[in-house]
């Protein structure tokens, strides 16, 4: 099962912290990118890098074994 590469938003100033944002069932890292973009627009957390990983597609029992990110 191939997994898409994580999306990374680098720090704008001296890199002092990294936030790894794990998404929920059926979502992807791209679904949470707007939160980092919002922080950047507001000038917040400029010393932080953000990493938005992507989970692989696997069969999910609760949805009749349909493939979903998990």
PDB file of N, CA and C in Angstrom:
ATOM      1  N   UNK A   1       0.839  -1.189   0.000  1.00  0.00           N
ATOM      2  CA  UNK A   1       0.000   0.000   0.000  1.00  0.00           C
ATOM      3  C   UNK A   1       0.878   1.244   0.000  1.00  0.00           C
ATOM      4  N   UNK A   2       0.779   2.008  -1.037  1.00  0.00           N
ATOM      5  CA  UNK A   2       1.555   3.240  -1.129  1.00  0.00           C
ATOM      6  C   UNK A   2       0.876   4.340  -0.323  1.00  0.00           C
ATOM      7  N   UNK A   3       1.682   5.105   0.338  1.00  0.00           N
ATOM      8  CA  UNK A   3       1.191   6.239   1.111  1.00  0.00           C
ATOM      9  C   UNK A   3       1.789   7.504   0.521  1.00  0.00           C
ATOM     10  N   UNK A   4       0.950   8.517   0.355  1.00  0.00           N
ATOM     11  CA  UNK A   4       1.443   9.797  -0.163  1.00  0.00           C
ATOM     12  C   UNK A   4       2.433  10.399   0.831  1.00  0.00           C
ATOM     13  N   UNK A   5       3.406  11.106   0.312  1.00  0.00           N
ATOM     14  CA  UNK A   5       4.400  11.758   1.164  1.00  0.00           C
ATOM     15  C   UNK A   5       3.717  12.786   2.063  1.00  0.00           C
ATOM     16  N   UNK A   6       4.256  13.003   3.253  1.00  0.00           N
ATOM     17  CA  UNK A   6       3.665  14.016   4.127  1.00  0.00           C
ATOM     18  C   UNK A   6       3.831  15.413   3.544  1.00  0.00           C
ATOM     19  N   UNK A   7       2.917  16.289   3.865  1.00  0.00           N
ATOM     20  CA  UNK A   7       3.004  17.688   3.466  1.00  0.00           C
ATOM     21  C   UNK A   7       3.747  18.426   4.572  1.00  0.00           C
ATOM     22  N   UNK A   8       4.722  19.230   4.209  1.00  0.00           N
ATOM     23  CA  UNK A   8       5.549  19.925   5.193  1.00  0.00           C
ATOM     24  C   UNK A   8       5.497  21.430   4.925  1.00  0.00           C
ATOM     25  N   UNK A   9       5.220  22.178   5.976  1.00  0.00           N
ATOM     26  CA  UNK A   9       5.254  23.641   5.927  1.00  0.00           C
ATOM     27  C   UNK A   9       6.446  24.052   6.786  1.00  0.00           C
ATOM     28  N   UNK A  10       7.518  24.564   6.177  1.00  0.00           N
ATOM     29  CA  UNK A  10       8.710  24.900   6.959  1.00  0.00           C
ATOM     30  C   UNK A  10       8.497  26.137   7.839  1.00  0.00           C
ATOM     31  N   UNK A  11       9.335  26.240   8.861  1.00  0.00           N
ATOM     32  CA  UNK A  11       9.312  27.419   9.732  1.00  0.00           C
ATOM     33  C   UNK A  11       9.765  28.638   8.938  1.00  0.00           C
ATOM     34  N   UNK A  12       9.220  29.795   9.271  1.00  0.00           N
ATOM     35  CA  UNK A  12       9.597  31.034   8.599  1.00  0.00           C
ATOM     36  C   UNK A  12      10.789  31.715   9.277  1.00  0.00           C
ATOM     37  N   UNK A  13      10.881  31.531  10.580  1.00  0.00           N
ATOM     38  CA  UNK A  13      11.991  32.082  11.354  1.00  0.00           C
ATOM     39  C   UNK A  13      12.869  30.927  11.808  1.00  0.00           C
ATOM     40  N   UNK A  14      13.726  31.162  12.795  1.00  0.00           N
ATOM     41  CA  UNK A  14      14.573  30.090  13.310  1.00  0.00           C
ATOM     42  C   UNK A  14      13.696  28.934  13.796  1.00  0.00           C
ATOM     43  N   UNK A  15      13.934  27.759  13.249  1.00  0.00           N
ATOM     44  CA  UNK A  15      13.127  26.579  13.540  1.00  0.00           C
ATOM     45  C   UNK A  15      13.388  26.099  14.970  1.00  0.00           C
ATOM     46  N   UNK A  16      12.375  26.232  15.834  1.00  0.00           N
ATOM     47  CA  UNK A  16      12.517  25.813  17.227  1.00  0.00           C
ATOM     48  C   UNK A  16      11.532  24.734  17.630  1.00  0.00           C
ATOM     49  N   UNK A  17      10.549  24.439  16.764  1.00  0.00           N
ATOM     50  CA  UNK A  17       9.533  23.440  17.112  1.00  0.00           C
ATOM     51  C   UNK A  17       8.917  22.863  15.841  1.00  0.00           C
ATOM     52  N   UNK A  18       8.394  21.653  15.969  1.00  0.00           N
ATOM     53  CA  UNK A  18       7.683  21.009  14.866  1.00  0.00           C
ATOM     54  C   UNK A  18       6.360  20.471  15.388  1.00  0.00           C
ATOM     55  N   UNK A  19       5.292  20.751  14.670  1.00  0.00           N
ATOM     56  CA  UNK A  19       3.966  20.238  14.996  1.00  0.00           C
ATOM     57  C   UNK A  19       3.641  19.157  13.971  1.00  0.00           C
ATOM     58  N   UNK A  20       3.355  17.950  14.447  1.00  0.00           N
ATOM     59  CA  UNK A  20       2.926  16.858  13.572  1.00  0.00           C
ATOM     60  C   UNK A  20       1.434  16.685  13.791  1.00  0.00           C
ATOM     61  N   UNK A  21       0.654  16.969  12.747  1.00  0.00           N
ATOM     62  CA  UNK A  21      -0.796  16.994  12.850  1.00  0.00           C
ATOM     63  C   UNK A  21      -1.353  15.718  12.230  1.00  0.00           C
ATOM     64  N   UNK A  22      -1.824  14.804  13.060  1.00  0.00           N
ATOM     65  CA  UNK A  22      -2.375  13.535  12.581  1.00  0.00           C
ATOM     66  C   UNK A  22      -3.862  13.690  12.265  1.00  0.00           C
ATOM     67  N   UNK A  23      -4.248  13.311  11.052  1.00  0.00           N
ATOM     68  CA  UNK A  23      -5.652  13.434  10.648  1.00  0.00           C
ATOM     69  C   UNK A  23      -6.465  12.231  11.122  1.00  0.00           C
ATOM     70  N   UNK A  24      -7.753  12.326  10.981  1.00  0.00           N
ATOM     71  CA  UNK A  24      -8.650  11.257  11.401  1.00  0.00           C
ATOM     72  C   UNK A  24      -9.030  10.318  10.267  1.00  0.00           C
ATOM     73  N   UNK A  25      -9.868   9.376  10.570  1.00  0.00           N
ATOM     74  CA  UNK A  25     -10.333   8.364   9.635  1.00  0.00           C
ATOM     75  C   UNK A  25     -10.953   9.003   8.391  1.00  0.00           C
ATOM     76  N   UNK A  26     -10.466   8.610   7.225  1.00  0.00           N
ATOM     77  CA  UNK A  26     -11.029   9.088   5.966  1.00  0.00           C
ATOM     78  C   UNK A  26     -10.506  10.436   5.503  1.00  0.00           C
ATOM     79  N   UNK A  27      -9.623  11.048   6.258  1.00  0.00           N
ATOM     80  CA  UNK A  27      -9.102  12.365   5.901  1.00  0.00           C
ATOM     81  C   UNK A  27      -7.687  12.228   5.352  1.00  0.00           C
ATOM     82  N   UNK A  28      -7.066  13.342   5.056  1.00  0.00           N
ATOM     83  CA  UNK A  28      -5.683  13.338   4.572  1.00  0.00           C
ATOM     84  C   UNK A  28      -4.964  14.545   5.157  1.00  0.00           C
ATOM     85  N   UNK A  29      -3.659  14.561   4.978  1.00  0.00           N
ATOM     86  CA  UNK A  29      -2.885  15.703   5.446  1.00  0.00           C
ATOM     87  C   UNK A  29      -3.327  16.996   4.784  1.00  0.00           C
ATOM     88  N   UNK A  30      -3.701  16.914   3.511  1.00  0.00           N
ATOM     89  CA  UNK A  30      -4.134  18.110   2.778  1.00  0.00           C
ATOM     90  C   UNK A  30      -5.393  18.726   3.389  1.00  0.00           C
ATOM     91  N   UNK A  31      -6.203  17.917   4.036  1.00  0.00           N
ATOM     92  CA  UNK A  31      -7.419  18.428   4.668  1.00  0.00           C
ATOM     93  C   UNK A  31      -7.138  19.365   5.825  1.00  0.00           C
ATOM     94  N   UNK A  32      -5.914  19.317   6.360  1.00  0.00           N
ATOM     95  CA  UNK A  32      -5.552  20.151   7.501  1.00  0.00           C
ATOM     96  C   UNK A  32      -4.549  21.241   7.160  1.00  0.00           C
ATOM     97  N   UNK A  33      -4.102  21.308   5.922  1.00  0.00           N
ATOM     98  CA  UNK A  33      -3.159  22.361   5.511  1.00  0.00           C
ATOM     99  C   UNK A  33      -3.687  23.772   5.780  1.00  0.00           C
ATOM    100  N   UNK A  34      -4.980  24.036   5.617  1.00  0.00           N
ATOM    101  CA  UNK A  34      -5.475  25.403   5.864  1.00  0.00           C
ATOM    102  C   UNK A  34      -5.180  25.923   7.268  1.00  0.00           C
ATOM    103  N   UNK A  35      -5.027  25.037   8.247  1.00  0.00           N
ATOM    104  CA  UNK A  35      -4.735  25.519   9.598  1.00  0.00           C
ATOM    105  C   UNK A  35      -3.352  26.170   9.649  1.00  0.00           C
ATOM    106  N   UNK A  36      -2.368  25.566   8.979  1.00  0.00           N
ATOM    107  CA  UNK A  36      -1.027  26.172   8.932  1.00  0.00           C
ATOM    108  C   UNK A  36      -1.060  27.463   8.121  1.00  0.00           C
ATOM    109  N   UNK A  37      -1.806  27.452   7.019  1.00  0.00           N
ATOM    110  CA  UNK A  37      -1.924  28.664   6.201  1.00  0.00           C
ATOM    111  C   UNK A  37      -2.561  29.795   6.998  1.00  0.00           C
ATOM    112  N   UNK A  38      -3.554  29.469   7.818  1.00  0.00           N
ATOM    113  CA  UNK A  38      -4.212  30.470   8.658  1.00  0.00           C
ATOM    114  C   UNK A  38      -3.224  31.035   9.679  1.00  0.00           C
ATOM    115  N   UNK A  39      -2.445  30.165  10.314  1.00  0.00           N
ATOM    116  CA  UNK A  39      -1.431  30.638  11.267  1.00  0.00           C
ATOM    117  C   UNK A  39      -0.440  31.572  10.576  1.00  0.00           C
ATOM    118  N   UNK A  40      -0.021  31.223   9.365  1.00  0.00           N
ATOM    119  CA  UNK A  40       0.947  32.047   8.638  1.00  0.00           C
ATOM    120  C   UNK A  40       0.357  33.425   8.317  1.00  0.00           C
ATOM    121  N   UNK A  41      -0.884  33.458   7.850  1.00  0.00           N
ATOM    122  CA  UNK A  41      -1.535  34.737   7.526  1.00  0.00           C
ATOM    123  C   UNK A  41      -1.622  35.642   8.753  1.00  0.00           C
ATOM    124  N   UNK A  42      -1.842  35.039   9.923  1.00  0.00           N
ATOM    125  CA  UNK A  42      -1.981  35.814  11.152  1.00  0.00           C
ATOM    126  C   UNK A  42      -0.647  36.077  11.836  1.00  0.00           C
ATOM    127  N   UNK A  43       0.465  35.593  11.246  1.00  0.00           N
ATOM    128  CA  UNK A  43       1.779  35.823  11.824  1.00  0.00           C
ATOM    129  C   UNK A  43       2.033  35.023  13.090  1.00  0.00           C
ATOM    130  N   UNK A  44       1.370  33.890  13.227  1.00  0.00           N
ATOM    131  CA  UNK A  44       1.506  33.052  14.423  1.00  0.00           C
ATOM    132  C   UNK A  44       2.389  31.847  14.132  1.00  0.00           C
ATOM    133  N   UNK A  45       3.083  31.375  15.143  1.00  0.00           N
ATOM    134  CA  UNK A  45       3.882  30.140  15.091  1.00  0.00           C
ATOM    135  C   UNK A  45       4.888  30.130  13.940  1.00  0.00           C
ATOM    136  N   UNK A  46       5.496  31.276  13.667  1.00  0.00           N
ATOM    137  CA  UNK A  46       6.450  31.359  12.552  1.00  0.00           C
ATOM    138  C   UNK A  46       7.742  30.591  12.826  1.00  0.00           C
ATOM    139  N   UNK A  47       7.990  30.227  14.085  1.00  0.00           N
ATOM    140  CA  UNK A  47       9.168  29.424  14.411  1.00  0.00           C
ATOM    141  C   UNK A  47       8.897  27.916  14.321  1.00  0.00           C
ATOM    142  N   UNK A  48       7.645  27.569  14.039  1.00  0.00           N
ATOM    143  CA  UNK A  48       7.249  26.154  13.972  1.00  0.00           C
ATOM    144  C   UNK A  48       7.174  25.666  12.533  1.00  0.00           C
ATOM    145  N   UNK A  49       7.620  24.437  12.335  1.00  0.00           N
ATOM    146  CA  UNK A  49       7.367  23.731  11.083  1.00  0.00           C
ATOM    147  C   UNK A  49       6.134  22.864  11.335  1.00  0.00           C
ATOM    148  N   UNK A  50       5.353  22.632  10.303  1.00  0.00           N
ATOM    149  CA  UNK A  50       4.173  21.784  10.412  1.00  0.00           C
ATOM    150  C   UNK A  50       4.332  20.597   9.477  1.00  0.00           C
ATOM    151  N   UNK A  51       4.004  19.411   9.970  1.00  0.00           N
ATOM    152  CA  UNK A  51       4.048  18.197   9.165  1.00  0.00           C
ATOM    153  C   UNK A  51       2.652  17.586   9.183  1.00  0.00           C
ATOM    154  N   UNK A  52       2.113  17.338   7.987  1.00  0.00           N
ATOM    155  CA  UNK A  52       0.787  16.754   7.841  1.00  0.00           C
ATOM    156  C   UNK A  52       0.936  15.409   7.131  1.00  0.00           C
ATOM    157  N   UNK A  53       1.068  14.303   7.902  1.00  0.00           N
ATOM    158  CA  UNK A  53       1.253  12.998   7.279  1.00  0.00           C
ATOM    159  C   UNK A  53      -0.043  12.491   6.634  1.00  0.00           C
ATOM    160  N   UNK A  54       0.111  11.537   5.736  1.00  0.00           N
ATOM    161  CA  UNK A  54      -1.020  10.894   5.074  1.00  0.00           C
ATOM    162  C   UNK A  54      -1.014   9.408   5.413  1.00  0.00           C
ATOM    163  N   UNK A  55      -2.139   8.890   5.815  1.00  0.00           N
ATOM    164  CA  UNK A  55      -2.258   7.463   6.128  1.00  0.00           C
ATOM    165  C   UNK A  55      -2.538   6.678   4.848  1.00  0.00           C
ATOM    166  N   UNK A  56      -2.197   5.399   4.839  1.00  0.00           N
ATOM    167  CA  UNK A  56      -2.497   4.575   3.664  1.00  0.00           C
ATOM    168  C   UNK A  56      -3.984   4.234   3.592  1.00  0.00           C
ATOM    169  N   UNK A  57      -4.437   3.836   2.423  1.00  0.00           N
ATOM    170  CA  UNK A  57      -5.803   3.338   2.260  1.00  0.00           C
ATOM    171  C   UNK A  57      -5.830   1.867   2.660  1.00  0.00           C
ATOM    172  N   UNK A  58      -6.702   1.549   3.609  1.00  0.00           N
ATOM    173  CA  UNK A  58      -6.860   0.165   4.050  1.00  0.00           C
ATOM    174  C   UNK A  58      -8.353  -0.141   4.173  1.00  0.00           C
ATOM    175  N   UNK A  59      -8.744  -1.422   4.147  1.00  0.00           N
ATOM    176  CA  UNK A  59     -10.156  -1.770   4.323  1.00  0.00           C
ATOM    177  C   UNK A  59     -10.611  -1.446   5.754  1.00  0.00           C
ATOM    178  N   UNK A  60     -11.740  -0.760   5.877  1.00  0.00           N
ATOM    179  CA  UNK A  60     -12.273  -0.362   7.177  1.00  0.00           C
ATOM    180  C   UNK A  60     -13.538  -1.167   7.465  1.00  0.00           C
ATOM    181  N   UNK A  61     -13.519  -1.927   8.546  1.00  0.00           N
ATOM    182  CA  UNK A  61     -14.625  -2.823   8.888  1.00  0.00           C
ATOM    183  C   UNK A  61     -15.948  -2.074   9.052  1.00  0.00           C
ATOM    184  N   UNK A  62     -15.931  -0.944   9.735  1.00  0.00           N
ATOM    185  CA  UNK A  62     -17.163  -0.223  10.052  1.00  0.00           C
ATOM    186  C   UNK A  62     -17.885   0.295   8.799  1.00  0.00           C
ATOM    187  N   UNK A  63     -17.177   0.427   7.679  1.00  0.00           N
ATOM    188  CA  UNK A  63     -17.816   0.857   6.428  1.00  0.00           C
ATOM    189  C   UNK A  63     -17.771  -0.265   5.390  1.00  0.00           C
ATOM    190  N   UNK A  64     -18.063  -1.480   5.862  1.00  0.00           N
ATOM    191  CA  UNK A  64     -18.166  -2.672   4.999  1.00  0.00           C
ATOM    192  C   UNK A  64     -16.899  -2.942   4.197  1.00  0.00           C
ATOM    193  N   UNK A  65     -15.780  -2.738   4.833  1.00  0.00           N
ATOM    194  CA  UNK A  65     -14.456  -3.031   4.255  1.00  0.00           C
ATOM    195  C   UNK A  65     -14.113  -2.177   3.034  1.00  0.00           C
ATOM    196  N   UNK A  66     -14.758  -1.033   2.880  1.00  0.00           N
ATOM    197  CA  UNK A  66     -14.362  -0.116   1.823  1.00  0.00           C
ATOM    198  C   UNK A  66     -13.003   0.477   2.175  1.00  0.00           C
ATOM    199  N   UNK A  67     -12.239   0.811   1.151  1.00  0.00           N
ATOM    200  CA  UNK A  67     -10.929   1.400   1.396  1.00  0.00           C
ATOM    201  C   UNK A  67     -11.071   2.835   1.866  1.00  0.00           C
ATOM    202  N   UNK A  68     -10.293   3.179   2.871  1.00  0.00           N
ATOM    203  CA  UNK A  68     -10.277   4.530   3.395  1.00  0.00           C
ATOM    204  C   UNK A  68      -8.943   4.761   4.071  1.00  0.00           C
ATOM    205  N   UNK A  69      -8.576   6.017   4.241  1.00  0.00           N
ATOM    206  CA  UNK A  69      -7.350   6.310   4.961  1.00  0.00           C
ATOM    207  C   UNK A  69      -7.600   6.072   6.451  1.00  0.00           C
ATOM    208  N   UNK A  70      -6.628   5.465   7.087  1.00  0.00           N
ATOM    209  CA  UNK A  70      -6.780   5.162   8.513  1.00  0.00           C
ATOM    210  C   UNK A  70      -5.416   5.094   9.161  1.00  0.00           C
TER     211      UNK A  70
END
